Protein backbone atom coordinates (compact mmCIF):
# COMPACT_ATOMS: atom_id res chain seq x y z
CA MET A 1 196.37 99.67 61.35
CA ALA A 2 196.51 96.54 64.21
CA LEU A 3 193.23 95.21 63.48
CA GLY A 4 190.44 95.68 61.24
CA ASN A 5 189.78 99.29 59.56
CA ILE A 6 190.34 100.38 62.61
CA ASP A 7 192.91 103.17 61.89
CA THR A 8 193.85 107.32 63.06
CA VAL A 9 190.77 108.31 61.00
CA SER A 10 188.49 106.17 63.26
CA VAL A 11 189.49 107.61 66.04
CA ALA A 12 189.04 111.07 64.84
CA VAL A 13 185.51 110.54 63.15
CA PHE A 14 184.87 109.01 66.91
CA VAL A 15 186.51 112.17 68.60
CA VAL A 16 185.10 114.46 66.26
CA LEU A 17 181.73 113.32 66.53
CA PHE A 18 181.44 113.26 70.64
CA ALA A 19 182.89 116.73 70.34
CA ILE A 20 179.26 117.79 68.89
CA PHE A 21 177.50 115.25 71.12
CA ALA A 22 178.79 116.69 74.36
CA PHE A 23 178.13 120.00 72.73
CA LEU A 24 174.77 119.33 72.17
CA GLY A 25 174.30 117.64 75.89
CA PHE A 26 175.74 120.86 77.65
CA TRP A 27 173.88 123.27 75.29
CA ALA A 28 170.60 121.89 75.93
CA SER A 29 170.86 123.80 79.28
CA ARG A 30 169.74 126.56 77.22
CA TRP A 31 167.24 125.07 75.22
CA ARG A 32 163.67 125.91 76.27
CA LYS A 33 165.08 127.42 79.18
CA GLY A 34 163.72 126.18 82.32
CA ASP A 35 164.91 126.88 85.94
CA LEU A 36 167.22 123.54 86.49
CA SER A 37 166.96 124.20 90.11
CA LYS A 38 163.37 122.64 90.26
CA ILE A 39 163.43 118.71 89.98
CA ASP A 40 160.57 118.64 87.36
CA GLU A 41 163.11 121.00 84.95
CA TRP A 42 165.68 118.95 86.01
CA GLY A 43 164.23 115.70 85.47
CA LEU A 44 161.18 115.85 83.46
CA GLY A 45 162.57 118.48 80.81
CA GLY A 46 159.24 120.94 81.88
CA ARG A 47 157.06 118.37 80.65
CA ARG A 48 157.44 120.26 77.40
CA LEU A 49 158.31 117.61 74.82
CA GLY A 50 156.49 117.49 71.85
CA TRP A 51 155.58 114.26 69.65
CA LEU A 52 158.58 113.90 68.08
CA LEU A 53 160.73 114.77 71.05
CA VAL A 54 158.81 111.92 72.87
CA TRP A 55 159.86 109.33 70.13
CA PHE A 56 163.29 110.65 70.09
CA LEU A 57 163.33 110.33 73.66
CA MET A 58 161.85 106.59 74.78
CA GLY A 59 164.14 105.69 71.45
CA ALA A 60 167.08 106.43 73.28
CA ASP A 61 164.95 105.09 76.78
CA LEU A 62 164.60 101.99 74.83
CA PHE A 63 166.67 101.38 72.12
CA THR A 64 169.95 100.74 74.13
CA ALA A 65 173.30 99.04 74.60
CA TYR A 66 170.60 95.84 75.32
CA THR A 67 169.74 96.34 71.52
CA PHE A 68 173.22 96.40 70.05
CA ILE A 69 175.08 94.52 72.38
CA ALA A 70 173.13 92.40 74.48
CA VAL A 71 170.64 90.81 72.11
CA PRO A 72 172.98 90.34 69.59
CA SER A 73 175.31 88.83 72.48
CA GLY A 74 172.77 86.04 73.61
CA MET A 75 172.37 85.67 69.70
CA LEU A 76 175.64 84.67 69.36
CA ALA A 77 176.42 82.60 72.34
CA ASN A 78 172.73 80.66 73.10
CA GLY A 79 170.95 81.04 69.27
CA ALA A 80 167.42 81.76 68.26
CA PHE A 81 166.08 81.89 72.09
CA TYR A 82 167.16 85.85 72.28
CA PHE A 83 164.60 86.63 69.86
CA PHE A 84 162.32 87.17 72.29
CA ALA A 85 163.28 90.35 72.16
CA VAL A 86 161.31 91.04 69.31
CA PRO A 87 157.79 90.36 70.42
CA TYR A 88 158.59 92.06 73.87
CA VAL A 89 159.08 95.30 72.13
CA ALA A 90 156.01 94.87 70.43
CA TRP A 91 154.15 93.93 73.10
CA GLY A 92 155.83 96.31 75.51
CA PHE A 93 154.78 99.29 73.40
CA ALA A 94 151.17 97.58 73.24
CA ILE A 95 151.36 98.26 77.29
CA ALA A 96 152.28 101.58 77.08
CA LEU A 97 149.49 102.79 74.93
CA LEU A 98 147.46 101.30 77.61
CA THR A 99 148.67 102.51 80.59
CA MET A 100 151.06 105.88 80.41
CA PRO A 101 148.76 108.21 79.24
CA ARG A 102 146.51 107.52 82.14
CA LEU A 103 149.72 108.03 84.58
CA TRP A 104 150.05 110.86 82.78
CA THR A 105 147.03 112.68 82.96
CA VAL A 106 146.73 112.11 86.71
CA SER A 107 150.59 113.19 86.94
CA LYS A 108 149.54 116.37 84.81
CA ASN A 109 146.22 117.23 87.12
CA LYS A 110 148.31 116.30 90.70
CA GLY A 111 151.71 117.71 89.48
CA TYR A 112 153.42 114.06 89.88
CA VAL A 113 156.68 113.15 88.69
CA THR A 114 157.00 109.87 89.70
CA ALA A 115 154.87 106.66 89.70
CA SER A 116 155.63 106.18 93.60
CA ASP A 117 153.95 109.98 94.12
CA PHE A 118 150.90 108.43 92.20
CA VAL A 119 150.95 105.18 94.54
CA LYS A 120 151.29 107.14 97.85
CA ASP A 121 148.28 109.09 96.91
CA ARG A 122 146.41 105.98 95.29
CA PHE A 123 146.36 103.71 98.42
CA ASN A 124 146.88 106.27 100.84
CA SER A 125 149.97 104.33 101.96
CA LYS A 126 153.64 105.86 102.21
CA SER A 127 155.31 102.63 102.98
CA LEU A 128 154.11 101.21 99.68
CA ALA A 129 155.18 104.24 97.62
CA ILE A 130 158.27 103.90 99.22
CA ALA A 131 158.86 100.17 98.21
CA VAL A 132 158.04 101.20 94.83
CA ALA A 133 160.40 103.58 94.94
CA LEU A 134 163.03 101.18 96.11
CA THR A 135 162.09 99.09 93.57
CA GLY A 136 162.55 101.21 90.95
CA VAL A 137 165.55 102.72 92.36
CA VAL A 138 167.66 98.66 92.64
CA ALA A 139 165.97 97.60 89.09
CA GLU A 140 167.60 100.17 87.57
CA LEU A 141 171.20 99.58 89.07
CA PRO A 142 171.85 96.30 86.62
CA TYR A 143 170.21 98.27 83.66
CA ILE A 144 172.80 101.16 84.00
CA ALA A 145 175.33 98.05 83.94
CA LEU A 146 174.40 96.83 81.18
CA GLN A 147 174.78 100.44 79.22
CA ILE A 148 178.46 101.01 80.87
CA ILE A 149 179.00 97.41 79.42
CA GLY A 150 178.11 98.39 75.79
CA MET A 151 180.23 101.25 76.12
CA GLN A 152 183.05 99.47 77.09
CA ALA A 153 182.75 96.79 74.48
CA VAL A 154 183.17 99.86 71.93
CA LEU A 155 186.00 101.36 73.45
CA ALA A 156 188.16 97.98 73.92
CA VAL A 157 187.80 96.95 70.20
CA LEU A 158 188.95 100.48 69.31
CA LEU A 159 191.88 100.11 71.84
CA VAL A 160 192.59 96.56 70.53
CA GLY A 161 192.66 98.35 66.82
CA LEU A 162 194.92 100.71 68.05
CA THR A 163 197.32 99.08 70.39
CA GLY A 164 197.21 95.45 68.92
CA VAL A 165 197.10 94.34 72.35
CA ALA A 166 193.87 92.02 73.20
CA SER A 167 194.13 91.00 76.69
CA LYS A 168 191.94 91.54 80.25
CA THR A 169 193.69 94.92 80.88
CA VAL A 170 192.48 96.46 77.68
CA LEU A 171 189.16 95.63 79.01
CA ASP A 172 189.18 96.89 81.83
CA VAL A 173 190.77 100.10 80.91
CA ALA A 174 188.01 100.66 78.51
CA LEU A 175 185.69 99.68 80.82
CA VAL A 176 186.95 102.62 83.05
CA LEU A 177 187.15 105.72 80.58
CA ALA A 178 183.18 104.08 80.13
CA PHE A 179 182.44 105.15 83.45
CA ILE A 180 184.45 108.63 83.92
CA VAL A 181 182.18 109.45 80.91
CA LEU A 182 179.27 108.64 82.01
CA ALA A 183 179.74 110.31 85.30
CA LEU A 184 180.65 113.39 83.93
CA PHE A 185 177.83 113.73 81.37
CA THR A 186 174.77 113.43 83.20
CA PHE A 187 175.26 116.46 85.97
CA THR A 188 174.85 119.34 84.05
CA SER A 189 171.46 119.50 81.42
CA GLY A 190 169.23 116.86 83.19
CA LEU A 191 166.76 115.28 80.53
CA ARG A 192 167.04 118.36 78.17
CA GLY A 193 170.48 117.10 77.53
CA ALA A 194 168.96 113.41 77.19
CA ALA A 195 166.28 114.24 75.12
CA LEU A 196 168.42 116.73 72.61
CA THR A 197 171.37 114.02 72.05
CA GLY A 198 168.95 111.60 72.07
CA VAL A 199 168.35 112.87 68.63
CA MET A 200 171.62 112.68 67.41
CA LYS A 201 172.43 109.18 68.98
CA ASP A 202 169.34 107.98 67.14
CA ILE A 203 170.09 108.95 63.91
CA LEU A 204 173.45 107.91 64.11
CA ILE A 205 172.50 104.06 65.40
CA TRP A 206 169.84 104.16 62.41
CA ILE A 207 172.60 104.68 59.74
CA THR A 208 174.90 102.36 61.56
CA VAL A 209 172.42 99.38 61.32
CA LEU A 210 170.52 100.07 58.16
CA THR A 211 174.33 100.62 56.17
CA VAL A 212 175.63 97.45 58.06
CA ILE A 213 172.76 95.14 57.21
CA VAL A 214 172.69 96.12 53.70
CA TYR A 215 176.39 96.15 53.40
CA VAL A 216 177.92 93.03 54.67
CA PRO A 217 175.46 90.34 53.22
CA LEU A 218 175.98 91.74 50.13
CA ALA A 219 180.27 91.95 50.40
CA TYR A 220 180.51 88.28 52.43
CA GLY A 221 177.80 86.15 51.11
CA GLY A 222 174.83 87.24 53.14
CA PHE A 223 172.96 85.27 55.62
CA ALA A 224 173.23 81.98 53.52
CA ALA A 225 177.09 82.25 54.14
CA ALA A 226 176.71 83.26 57.65
CA PHE A 227 174.05 80.12 58.70
CA ASN A 228 176.26 77.37 56.85
CA ASN A 229 179.48 79.11 59.05
CA ALA A 230 177.51 78.83 61.87
CA LEU A 231 176.66 74.78 61.23
CA HIS A 232 180.66 74.34 61.13
CA ASN A 233 181.79 76.58 63.64
CA SER A 234 179.08 77.21 66.19
CA VAL A 235 180.71 74.08 68.43
CA THR A 236 183.81 76.39 68.72
CA VAL A 237 182.00 79.35 69.44
CA ASN A 238 179.99 77.37 72.57
CA TYR A 239 183.27 75.98 73.73
CA ALA A 240 184.89 78.97 74.28
CA ILE A 241 182.13 81.44 75.68
CA ASN A 242 180.20 78.68 77.35
CA HIS A 243 182.26 76.17 77.27
CA VAL A 244 179.93 73.82 76.14
CA LYS A 245 180.82 71.64 73.35
CA LYS A 246 178.03 71.36 70.96
CA PRO A 247 176.04 73.18 68.63
CA ILE A 248 173.97 76.38 69.40
CA PRO A 249 170.77 76.28 67.73
CA TYR A 250 170.32 79.28 65.37
CA SER A 251 167.67 78.35 62.52
CA PHE A 252 165.03 76.96 65.21
CA LEU A 253 163.82 77.01 68.79
CA PRO A 254 164.26 73.88 70.86
CA PRO A 255 160.92 72.61 71.91
CA THR A 256 162.15 72.64 75.76
CA LEU A 257 162.77 76.49 75.31
CA ILE A 258 159.03 77.61 73.92
CA PRO A 259 157.67 78.38 77.97
CA ALA A 260 161.12 80.41 77.92
CA TYR A 261 160.80 82.37 74.96
CA PHE A 262 157.34 83.36 75.69
CA SER A 263 157.18 83.60 79.12
CA THR A 264 160.44 85.90 78.63
CA ALA A 265 159.14 87.92 76.36
CA LEU A 266 155.62 88.26 78.13
CA GLY A 267 157.42 89.52 81.69
CA SER A 268 159.56 91.45 79.72
CA ALA A 269 156.97 93.63 77.85
CA LEU A 270 155.29 93.63 81.38
CA ALA A 271 158.20 95.31 83.22
CA LEU A 272 159.17 97.55 80.41
CA TYR A 273 157.06 100.44 81.15
CA LEU A 274 157.71 99.91 85.20
CA TYR A 275 160.88 100.87 84.76
CA PRO A 276 161.94 105.02 86.34
CA HIS A 277 163.32 105.67 83.13
CA ALA A 278 160.32 104.76 80.51
CA ILE A 279 157.80 106.56 83.05
CA ASN A 280 160.37 109.54 83.45
CA GLY A 281 159.97 110.25 78.92
CA SER A 282 156.69 109.42 79.26
CA LEU A 283 155.83 112.20 81.72
CA SER A 284 158.00 114.57 80.01
CA SER A 285 155.09 114.60 76.58
CA GLU A 286 153.61 118.29 76.31
CA ASP A 287 150.16 116.57 76.46
CA LYS A 288 148.48 113.67 76.39
CA ASN A 289 147.95 112.96 72.70
CA LYS A 290 151.42 113.47 71.93
CA LEU A 291 152.82 110.77 74.20
CA LYS A 292 150.43 108.61 72.33
CA LEU A 293 151.47 109.74 69.34
CA GLY A 294 154.70 109.38 70.00
CA THR A 295 154.26 106.07 71.05
CA SER A 296 152.35 104.56 68.47
CA LEU A 297 155.35 105.14 66.29
CA LEU A 298 157.60 103.24 68.58
CA PRO A 299 157.06 99.94 67.01
CA VAL A 300 159.67 101.21 64.13
CA TYR A 301 162.79 100.31 66.93
CA GLY A 302 161.04 97.09 67.36
CA VAL A 303 162.30 97.04 63.53
CA GLY A 304 165.98 97.99 64.32
CA LEU A 305 166.04 95.34 66.70
CA ALA A 306 164.94 92.56 64.97
CA LEU A 307 167.82 93.50 62.38
CA LEU A 308 170.34 93.88 65.43
CA ALA A 309 169.77 90.50 66.33
CA LEU A 310 170.44 89.13 63.70
CA PHE A 311 174.16 90.87 63.70
CA GLY A 312 174.75 87.65 66.41
CA ILE A 313 174.40 85.59 63.29
CA LEU A 314 175.79 87.62 60.32
CA ILE A 315 179.26 87.82 62.44
CA TYR A 316 179.68 84.10 61.11
CA ALA A 317 180.26 85.49 57.76
CA VAL A 318 183.54 87.78 58.79
CA PRO A 319 185.54 84.74 60.03
CA SER A 320 187.96 87.38 61.52
CA ALA A 321 185.57 89.42 63.34
CA LEU A 322 184.14 85.94 64.90
CA ALA A 323 188.21 85.20 65.78
CA LEU A 324 188.52 88.59 67.93
CA VAL A 325 185.01 87.75 69.92
CA VAL A 326 186.42 83.94 70.60
CA LYS A 327 190.00 85.13 71.39
CA LEU A 328 188.64 87.51 73.97
CA ALA A 329 185.50 85.37 74.78
CA ASN A 330 183.62 87.99 75.05
CA GLY A 331 180.11 87.80 72.72
CA ALA A 332 179.46 91.44 73.90
CA LEU A 333 182.30 92.77 71.49
CA THR A 334 180.01 90.69 68.81
CA VAL A 335 178.75 93.83 66.99
CA PRO A 336 181.60 95.87 67.47
CA ALA A 337 183.67 93.27 65.85
CA LEU A 338 181.71 93.12 63.24
CA VAL A 339 181.45 96.80 62.11
CA ALA A 340 185.51 97.11 62.89
CA PHE A 341 186.10 94.17 60.38
CA THR A 342 183.63 95.10 57.33
CA MET A 343 182.99 99.04 57.19
CA PRO A 344 185.75 101.73 55.75
CA ASP A 345 187.90 103.29 58.56
CA TRP A 346 185.81 106.62 58.82
CA PHE A 347 182.35 104.99 58.69
CA VAL A 348 183.60 102.41 61.89
CA GLY A 349 184.69 105.65 63.85
CA LEU A 350 180.96 106.78 63.13
CA ALA A 351 179.25 103.53 63.96
CA PHE A 352 181.08 103.17 67.20
CA LEU A 353 180.19 106.90 68.63
CA ALA A 354 176.80 105.97 67.75
CA ILE A 355 176.92 102.81 70.06
CA PHE A 356 179.00 104.40 72.43
CA ILE A 357 176.44 106.89 72.86
CA GLY A 358 173.50 104.47 72.72
CA GLY A 359 174.73 103.46 76.17
CA LEU A 360 175.80 106.95 77.35
CA VAL A 361 172.60 108.36 76.79
CA PRO A 362 169.93 105.85 78.19
CA ALA A 363 172.23 105.31 81.09
CA ALA A 364 171.94 108.89 81.75
CA ILE A 365 167.94 108.89 81.74
CA MET A 366 168.27 105.82 83.63
CA ALA A 367 170.22 107.54 86.50
CA ILE A 368 167.64 110.55 86.22
CA GLY A 369 164.63 108.74 87.01
CA VAL A 370 166.61 106.95 90.10
CA ALA A 371 167.79 110.31 92.00
CA ASN A 372 164.17 111.36 91.35
CA LEU A 373 162.32 108.29 93.05
CA LEU A 374 165.17 108.51 95.94
CA VAL A 375 164.55 112.36 96.79
CA ARG A 376 161.32 112.61 96.02
CA ASN A 377 159.94 109.54 97.45
CA VAL A 378 162.43 107.87 99.87
CA ILE A 379 164.50 110.74 101.37
CA LYS A 380 161.43 113.46 100.87
CA GLU A 381 159.47 111.11 102.83
CA PHE A 382 161.65 111.80 106.10
CA LYS A 383 163.08 115.25 105.27
CA LYS A 384 160.00 117.39 105.01
CA ASP A 385 161.00 120.69 104.73
CA LEU A 386 163.47 120.30 101.86
CA ASP A 387 163.19 123.17 99.54
CA PRO A 388 162.90 122.87 95.75
CA ARG A 389 167.12 124.22 94.75
CA THR A 390 168.01 121.48 97.47
CA GLU A 391 165.86 118.58 95.93
CA SER A 392 167.29 119.71 92.50
CA THR A 393 171.23 119.47 93.79
CA LEU A 394 170.36 116.13 95.60
CA ALA A 395 168.98 114.96 92.50
CA LYS A 396 171.94 115.64 90.34
CA ILE A 397 174.50 114.15 93.17
CA ILE A 398 172.64 111.55 93.65
CA SER A 399 172.56 110.86 89.98
CA THR A 400 176.30 110.77 89.89
CA ILE A 401 176.81 108.80 92.62
CA PHE A 402 174.38 105.70 91.81
CA LYS A 403 176.54 104.84 88.76
CA PHE A 404 179.37 103.52 91.21
CA VAL A 405 176.97 101.01 92.61
CA ALA A 406 175.71 100.08 89.51
CA LEU A 407 179.25 99.52 88.12
CA GLY A 408 179.60 96.90 90.67
CA PHE A 409 176.52 94.74 88.71
CA VAL A 410 179.72 94.52 85.93
CA PHE A 411 181.56 92.04 88.17
CA VAL A 412 178.65 89.73 88.45
CA VAL A 413 177.42 89.10 85.39
CA PRO A 414 179.73 87.89 82.93
CA ALA A 415 179.99 90.54 79.64
CA THR A 416 178.42 88.39 77.20
CA TYR A 417 175.51 87.24 78.96
CA ALA A 418 174.91 91.40 79.58
CA ILE A 419 171.27 90.41 78.71
CA GLN A 420 170.92 88.89 82.09
CA LEU A 421 171.46 92.52 83.44
CA GLN A 422 167.75 93.63 81.71
CA LEU A 423 166.63 90.20 82.68
CA LEU A 424 167.55 90.45 86.77
CA GLY A 425 165.97 94.07 86.51
CA GLY A 426 163.00 92.87 84.49
CA ILE A 427 162.37 90.53 87.28
CA LEU A 428 162.44 93.38 89.96
CA ILE A 429 160.72 95.87 88.47
CA SER A 430 157.72 93.52 87.34
CA GLN A 431 156.54 93.63 91.43
CA THR A 432 155.75 97.02 91.33
CA LEU A 433 152.88 96.15 88.73
CA PRO A 434 150.15 95.70 90.81
CA PRO A 435 150.21 99.45 92.69
CA VAL A 436 151.23 100.84 89.33
CA PHE A 437 149.43 99.48 86.58
CA LEU A 438 146.70 98.01 87.87
CA GLY A 439 146.28 100.95 90.38
CA LEU A 440 145.80 103.05 87.08
CA TYR A 441 142.46 101.12 86.30
CA THR A 442 141.24 100.00 89.60
CA LYS A 443 140.84 101.61 93.41
CA ARG A 444 139.67 98.01 94.87
CA LEU A 445 143.34 96.85 95.86
CA ASN A 446 143.97 97.24 99.54
CA GLY A 447 147.21 99.25 100.30
CA TYR A 448 148.22 96.42 103.49
CA ALA A 449 147.37 93.76 100.77
CA THR A 450 149.50 95.47 98.05
CA PHE A 451 152.20 96.20 100.28
CA ALA A 452 152.20 91.95 101.02
CA GLY A 453 151.93 90.84 97.31
CA TRP A 454 155.28 92.89 96.68
CA GLY A 455 157.08 91.56 99.38
CA ALA A 456 156.09 88.34 98.75
CA GLY A 457 156.83 88.69 94.85
CA ILE A 458 160.27 90.07 95.77
CA LEU A 459 161.32 87.60 98.42
CA SER A 460 160.48 84.97 95.89
CA ALA A 461 162.07 86.18 92.79
CA ILE A 462 165.10 86.55 95.27
CA ALA A 463 165.35 82.93 96.04
CA LEU A 464 164.71 81.88 92.84
CA ILE A 465 167.38 84.22 91.25
CA VAL A 466 169.40 82.57 94.13
CA GLU A 467 168.70 78.72 93.22
CA ALA A 468 168.93 79.24 89.48
CA ASN A 469 172.05 80.34 89.34
CA ALA A 470 173.65 78.22 92.04
CA LYS A 471 176.04 76.37 90.44
CA PHE A 472 177.59 79.12 88.14
CA GLY A 473 178.91 81.59 91.17
CA VAL A 474 177.32 84.41 88.85
CA ILE A 475 174.20 85.33 87.39
CA LYS A 476 174.04 83.43 84.17
CA THR A 477 170.24 82.95 83.59
CA SER A 478 166.98 84.33 84.42
CA LEU A 479 164.85 80.94 83.88
CA PHE A 480 163.81 78.50 86.84
CA SER A 481 162.76 74.98 85.96
CA THR A 482 159.42 74.05 86.57
CA PRO A 483 157.21 70.42 85.06
CA LEU A 484 156.42 73.29 82.42
CA GLY A 485 159.39 73.99 81.57
CA PRO A 486 162.19 76.59 82.20
CA ILE A 487 160.34 79.82 83.17
CA TYR A 488 161.05 83.47 82.93
CA ILE A 489 161.39 84.37 87.04
CA ALA A 490 159.35 87.97 86.53
CA ILE A 491 156.19 85.72 85.83
CA ILE A 492 156.68 83.13 88.80
CA ALA A 493 157.49 86.11 91.37
CA LEU A 494 154.28 88.02 89.99
CA ALA A 495 152.14 85.59 89.77
CA ILE A 496 152.45 84.92 93.40
CA ASN A 497 152.36 88.72 93.94
CA LEU A 498 149.12 88.64 92.49
CA ALA A 499 147.86 85.94 94.35
CA VAL A 500 148.63 87.19 97.51
CA SER A 501 147.65 91.41 96.78
CA VAL A 502 143.83 90.29 95.03
CA VAL A 503 143.12 87.73 97.75
CA GLY A 504 144.28 89.94 100.19
CA SER A 505 142.07 92.02 99.16
CA ALA A 506 138.95 90.51 98.41
CA ILE A 507 139.59 89.52 102.37
CA ALA A 508 140.02 93.05 103.43
CA SER A 509 136.94 94.03 101.80
CA MET A 510 134.85 91.46 103.12
CA ALA A 511 136.08 92.84 106.38
CA GLY A 512 134.69 95.61 105.57
CA TRP A 513 137.51 97.74 104.08
CA ARG A 514 136.08 100.35 101.84
CA PRO A 515 138.83 101.98 99.16
CA GLU A 516 140.56 104.79 100.43
CA THR A 517 142.68 107.44 98.06
CA LYS A 518 143.32 111.07 97.35
CA ILE A 519 142.68 110.85 93.69
CA LYS A 520 139.47 110.65 91.98
CA GLU A 521 138.27 108.76 89.07
CA GLU A 522 138.34 111.96 86.58
CA GLU A 523 141.58 112.61 87.36
CA ILE A 524 143.24 109.58 85.65
CA THR A 525 141.35 110.04 83.17
CA LYS A 526 141.07 113.55 81.86
CA GLU A 527 143.22 117.03 81.71
CA MET A 528 141.21 118.66 84.73
């Protein structure tokens, strides 16, 4: 045994469970059988998912490598600030209940597959719809990269445990393996595969989280020992990971970070259900009431996220696990290392598989969402005669190719700061809020003004990201310094976006413009 409790038993359990997972993924093409040559069957599961499957699917959508890799890594490296993820998901589900049932209703009535389909008819604007589609595509890139980092972290610890070699080469090999598995998985069963395997993934994740959060504190002195060790060792961790010689604030939020904490939580919540994968999952529901029920139960996952965030502190109670993270200077290994050094060998295999597919399933859903957007709302706008079979085939091919582009983001964000991948995507996707969310409630936004607002938001977001990270050479922050304190860039850019959209629409209205929409109000509020 070269590292912790990793041995051949761990690997055997991992492989056997992954074989079951793969079988479910491929068999899903026969489950609730539909014509997978049609994009709404491949990409939305034929809109036939009940409330329980919607709950599992959305949990698979949202309980991702962000939850069990990025947040604990952020907590370990930077402290209490990264607990913003807990209020963020709580607020995000409230926003979902206000918006997704309306989007589901109009999509069902009009046959929409994506949010861009809705935007095109609501604003009578092809340009705005393409802009929303392309924003969704680009915003998913870093989010998929985050899932790849999560899969890499598991395989890296597994390989280190078996070989005894802790080096960058091992990390690179793990990254290649993770990418190959992801690319092969997505193609076959579409959203059905993601929904069915999402059930297995979520069950294993809950087993892992609840077992570790109970067992490790009992066996290793509890959180009292973890916080006490953090007081003495956080300077060493901070220097190894951040090259800064000062303690990390775990037990309190520095007052200077209060604006950053609340703005990041709010901005992330506003962005969450604008992502193509979240919209895809919502539109797959069988009916509006089942969507509401499934969504209303999602806060259970928020409890799991809060527990996982604490893993970033709990690792201090296990010095051997912390030593591996420090040796490789990689905070993304926090949860895999904690599991490897505390749990029995067979449970390590189970937990590692849970974390691995916890990145795999969401990445597959995200790639499907992106493919739907590119085919339906970009390619089809310029090639109107695409038949359903060609449309579906293109979506499958694009979902595979897209992962190669997403892989590039792995190299521009340090693994310890993997949470920045999700925050970066949130900055971009939040700029689609006016046409999508506000468009569900009002027809008084002018299409040209809203397009101008989108452009202003995107340009200002990019400029602020570049400026905030100028001294790092890579993306290490999503905050911008203001007189009020550091603010999440998404909020600043969205404020600019909304100002241009609202003021521009008011000017257009005073100049005599009247709303032109292809959607009747009753088509948004009730099923026809």
